[in-house]
Amino acid sequence: MAFTFPMIRTAPTDRPPEQFERVELLSAGRTWEGQDVPSGSCGMVVEVLGDHEAFMVEFVEPFAALVTVRAGDVRIA
């Protein structure tokens, strides 16, 4: 008897991220202190700004940071 894995559902990527969703930077972001968070870094949306026009994203790696990014600069991870 063969074991089958249950279907794993992933979030659609054709919608903007919501609060507390994990996102990936598509281009480098800059903190208010002037530190650069490299593209490819993953963080969590802590606030949605406007009508999903921008997001405040909290990062833990490569260092703790809070970055405001435009909607086109992130995707759901």
N, C-alpha and C. Protein backbone atom coordinates (compact mmCIF):
# COMPACT_ATOMS: atom_id res chain seq x y z
N MET A 1 0.84 -1.18 0.00
CA MET A 1 0.00 0.00 0.00
C MET A 1 0.89 1.25 0.00
N ALA A 2 0.69 2.13 -0.94
CA ALA A 2 1.50 3.35 -1.08
C ALA A 2 0.91 4.47 -0.23
N PHE A 3 1.81 5.24 0.38
CA PHE A 3 1.38 6.38 1.17
C PHE A 3 1.24 7.58 0.24
N THR A 4 0.16 8.32 0.36
CA THR A 4 -0.02 9.54 -0.43
C THR A 4 -0.01 10.74 0.51
N PHE A 5 0.62 11.79 0.07
CA PHE A 5 0.69 13.00 0.88
C PHE A 5 -0.57 13.83 0.67
N PRO A 6 -1.05 14.48 1.72
CA PRO A 6 -2.21 15.35 1.56
C PRO A 6 -1.85 16.56 0.71
N MET A 7 -2.81 17.10 0.03
CA MET A 7 -2.58 18.28 -0.80
C MET A 7 -2.26 19.48 0.08
N ILE A 8 -1.21 20.18 -0.27
CA ILE A 8 -0.82 21.37 0.48
C ILE A 8 -1.29 22.58 -0.30
N ARG A 9 -2.03 23.43 0.36
CA ARG A 9 -2.53 24.64 -0.30
C ARG A 9 -1.62 25.80 0.04
N THR A 10 -1.31 26.59 -0.97
CA THR A 10 -0.49 27.77 -0.76
C THR A 10 -1.32 29.01 -1.06
N ALA A 11 -0.92 30.11 -0.48
CA ALA A 11 -1.64 31.36 -0.71
C ALA A 11 -1.42 31.82 -2.15
N PRO A 12 -2.46 32.32 -2.78
CA PRO A 12 -2.28 32.83 -4.15
C PRO A 12 -1.38 34.06 -4.13
N THR A 13 -0.55 34.20 -5.14
CA THR A 13 0.39 35.32 -5.17
C THR A 13 -0.12 36.46 -6.02
N ASP A 14 -1.34 36.38 -6.55
CA ASP A 14 -1.87 37.46 -7.37
C ASP A 14 -2.66 38.47 -6.55
N ARG A 15 -2.53 38.41 -5.24
CA ARG A 15 -3.20 39.35 -4.36
C ARG A 15 -2.15 40.03 -3.48
N PRO A 16 -2.45 41.20 -2.95
CA PRO A 16 -1.49 41.85 -2.07
C PRO A 16 -1.43 41.16 -0.72
N PRO A 17 -0.30 41.25 -0.04
CA PRO A 17 -0.19 40.63 1.28
C PRO A 17 -1.05 41.35 2.30
N GLU A 18 -1.42 40.65 3.32
CA GLU A 18 -2.20 41.19 4.43
C GLU A 18 -1.33 41.27 5.67
N GLN A 19 -1.84 41.92 6.71
CA GLN A 19 -1.11 42.04 7.96
C GLN A 19 -0.77 40.66 8.52
N PHE A 20 0.42 40.53 9.02
CA PHE A 20 0.98 39.32 9.62
C PHE A 20 1.31 38.22 8.61
N GLU A 21 1.33 38.55 7.32
CA GLU A 21 1.78 37.57 6.31
C GLU A 21 3.27 37.73 6.08
N ARG A 22 3.89 36.64 5.71
CA ARG A 22 5.33 36.61 5.40
C ARG A 22 5.52 37.06 3.96
N VAL A 23 6.47 37.97 3.75
CA VAL A 23 6.76 38.50 2.42
C VAL A 23 8.26 38.45 2.14
N GLU A 24 8.58 38.54 0.87
CA GLU A 24 9.98 38.57 0.42
C GLU A 24 10.22 39.87 -0.31
N LEU A 25 11.36 40.51 -0.04
CA LEU A 25 11.73 41.74 -0.74
C LEU A 25 12.18 41.42 -2.16
N LEU A 26 11.63 42.13 -3.13
CA LEU A 26 12.06 41.95 -4.52
C LEU A 26 13.18 42.91 -4.88
N SER A 27 13.33 43.98 -4.13
CA SER A 27 14.45 44.90 -4.29
C SER A 27 14.87 45.35 -2.89
N ALA A 28 16.09 45.78 -2.77
CA ALA A 28 16.62 46.16 -1.45
C ALA A 28 15.78 47.25 -0.82
N GLY A 29 15.65 47.18 0.49
CA GLY A 29 14.93 48.20 1.25
C GLY A 29 15.88 48.92 2.17
N ARG A 30 15.48 50.09 2.63
CA ARG A 30 16.34 50.87 3.52
C ARG A 30 15.58 51.22 4.78
N THR A 31 16.22 51.03 5.93
CA THR A 31 15.61 51.37 7.21
C THR A 31 15.67 52.88 7.41
N TRP A 32 14.97 53.38 8.39
CA TRP A 32 15.01 54.80 8.71
C TRP A 32 16.38 55.20 9.21
N GLU A 33 17.15 54.23 9.70
CA GLU A 33 18.51 54.51 10.18
C GLU A 33 19.54 54.45 9.06
N GLY A 34 19.10 54.10 7.83
CA GLY A 34 20.00 54.08 6.69
C GLY A 34 20.64 52.74 6.40
N GLN A 35 20.23 51.68 7.08
CA GLN A 35 20.78 50.35 6.80
C GLN A 35 20.01 49.73 5.63
N ASP A 36 20.72 49.02 4.77
CA ASP A 36 20.10 48.35 3.63
C ASP A 36 19.75 46.91 3.97
N VAL A 37 18.50 46.54 3.70
CA VAL A 37 18.04 45.16 3.82
C VAL A 37 18.06 44.60 2.41
N PRO A 38 18.85 43.56 2.13
CA PRO A 38 19.02 43.07 0.76
C PRO A 38 17.76 42.42 0.19
N SER A 39 17.65 42.48 -1.14
CA SER A 39 16.54 41.79 -1.80
C SER A 39 16.65 40.30 -1.51
N GLY A 40 15.50 39.65 -1.45
CA GLY A 40 15.46 38.24 -1.10
C GLY A 40 15.24 38.00 0.38
N SER A 41 15.37 39.06 1.20
CA SER A 41 15.13 38.93 2.64
C SER A 41 13.64 38.73 2.89
N CYS A 42 13.31 37.91 3.87
CA CYS A 42 11.92 37.63 4.20
C CYS A 42 11.58 38.27 5.54
N GLY A 43 10.39 38.86 5.61
CA GLY A 43 9.92 39.49 6.82
C GLY A 43 8.41 39.36 6.95
N MET A 44 7.85 40.01 7.96
CA MET A 44 6.42 39.93 8.21
C MET A 44 5.80 41.32 8.10
N VAL A 45 4.66 41.39 7.42
CA VAL A 45 3.93 42.64 7.31
C VAL A 45 3.34 42.96 8.68
N VAL A 46 3.71 44.12 9.23
CA VAL A 46 3.15 44.52 10.51
C VAL A 46 2.09 45.60 10.36
N GLU A 47 2.07 46.26 9.20
CA GLU A 47 1.03 47.25 8.95
C GLU A 47 0.83 47.42 7.45
N VAL A 48 -0.42 47.50 7.04
CA VAL A 48 -0.79 47.77 5.65
C VAL A 48 -1.07 49.27 5.56
N LEU A 49 -0.44 49.95 4.63
CA LEU A 49 -0.59 51.40 4.49
C LEU A 49 -1.45 51.73 3.28
N GLY A 50 -2.38 52.65 3.47
CA GLY A 50 -3.28 53.02 2.38
C GLY A 50 -4.13 51.84 1.97
N ASP A 51 -4.43 51.77 0.70
CA ASP A 51 -5.20 50.66 0.15
C ASP A 51 -4.22 49.64 -0.43
N HIS A 52 -3.38 49.08 0.45
CA HIS A 52 -2.32 48.13 0.07
C HIS A 52 -1.31 48.75 -0.89
N GLU A 53 -1.09 50.06 -0.73
CA GLU A 53 -0.12 50.76 -1.58
C GLU A 53 1.30 50.58 -1.06
N ALA A 54 1.43 50.37 0.24
CA ALA A 54 2.75 50.18 0.86
C ALA A 54 2.55 49.36 2.14
N PHE A 55 3.68 48.87 2.67
CA PHE A 55 3.64 48.01 3.84
C PHE A 55 4.81 48.33 4.77
N MET A 56 4.57 48.22 6.06
CA MET A 56 5.67 48.25 7.02
C MET A 56 6.00 46.79 7.29
N VAL A 57 7.24 46.41 7.03
CA VAL A 57 7.67 45.02 7.14
C VAL A 57 8.77 44.92 8.19
N GLU A 58 8.60 43.95 9.09
CA GLU A 58 9.60 43.72 10.13
C GLU A 58 10.48 42.55 9.72
N PHE A 59 11.79 42.75 9.82
CA PHE A 59 12.77 41.73 9.47
C PHE A 59 13.55 41.32 10.72
N VAL A 60 13.94 40.07 10.77
CA VAL A 60 14.79 39.56 11.84
C VAL A 60 16.17 39.26 11.28
N GLU A 61 16.23 38.80 10.04
CA GLU A 61 17.48 38.49 9.35
C GLU A 61 17.62 39.38 8.13
N PRO A 62 18.74 39.85 7.74
CA PRO A 62 20.07 39.62 8.31
C PRO A 62 20.29 40.38 9.61
N PHE A 63 19.38 41.30 9.98
CA PHE A 63 19.41 42.00 11.26
C PHE A 63 18.00 42.50 11.53
N ALA A 64 17.72 42.83 12.78
CA ALA A 64 16.40 43.34 13.13
C ALA A 64 16.18 44.70 12.49
N ALA A 65 15.07 44.83 11.76
CA ALA A 65 14.82 46.08 11.06
C ALA A 65 13.33 46.23 10.77
N LEU A 66 12.91 47.48 10.62
CA LEU A 66 11.57 47.82 10.20
C LEU A 66 11.71 48.68 8.96
N VAL A 67 11.08 48.24 7.86
CA VAL A 67 11.23 48.91 6.57
C VAL A 67 9.85 49.17 5.98
N THR A 68 9.66 50.37 5.43
CA THR A 68 8.44 50.68 4.69
C THR A 68 8.74 50.44 3.22
N VAL A 69 7.92 49.59 2.57
CA VAL A 69 8.17 49.24 1.17
C VAL A 69 6.90 49.43 0.35
N ARG A 70 7.09 49.75 -0.92
CA ARG A 70 5.95 49.87 -1.85
C ARG A 70 5.44 48.49 -2.20
N ALA A 71 4.18 48.43 -2.62
CA ALA A 71 3.54 47.16 -2.93
C ALA A 71 4.30 46.37 -4.00
N GLY A 72 4.86 47.04 -4.98
CA GLY A 72 5.57 46.36 -6.06
C GLY A 72 6.92 45.81 -5.66
N ASP A 73 7.38 46.12 -4.46
CA ASP A 73 8.70 45.68 -4.01
C ASP A 73 8.66 44.44 -3.12
N VAL A 74 7.46 43.86 -2.92
CA VAL A 74 7.34 42.65 -2.11
C VAL A 74 6.41 41.64 -2.77
N ARG A 75 6.58 40.40 -2.39
CA ARG A 75 5.64 39.36 -2.80
C ARG A 75 5.43 38.42 -1.62
N ILE A 76 4.31 37.75 -1.63
CA ILE A 76 4.01 36.80 -0.56
C ILE A 76 5.01 35.68 -0.64
N ALA A 77 5.62 35.36 0.49
CA ALA A 77 6.63 34.29 0.52
C ALA A 77 6.00 32.96 0.87
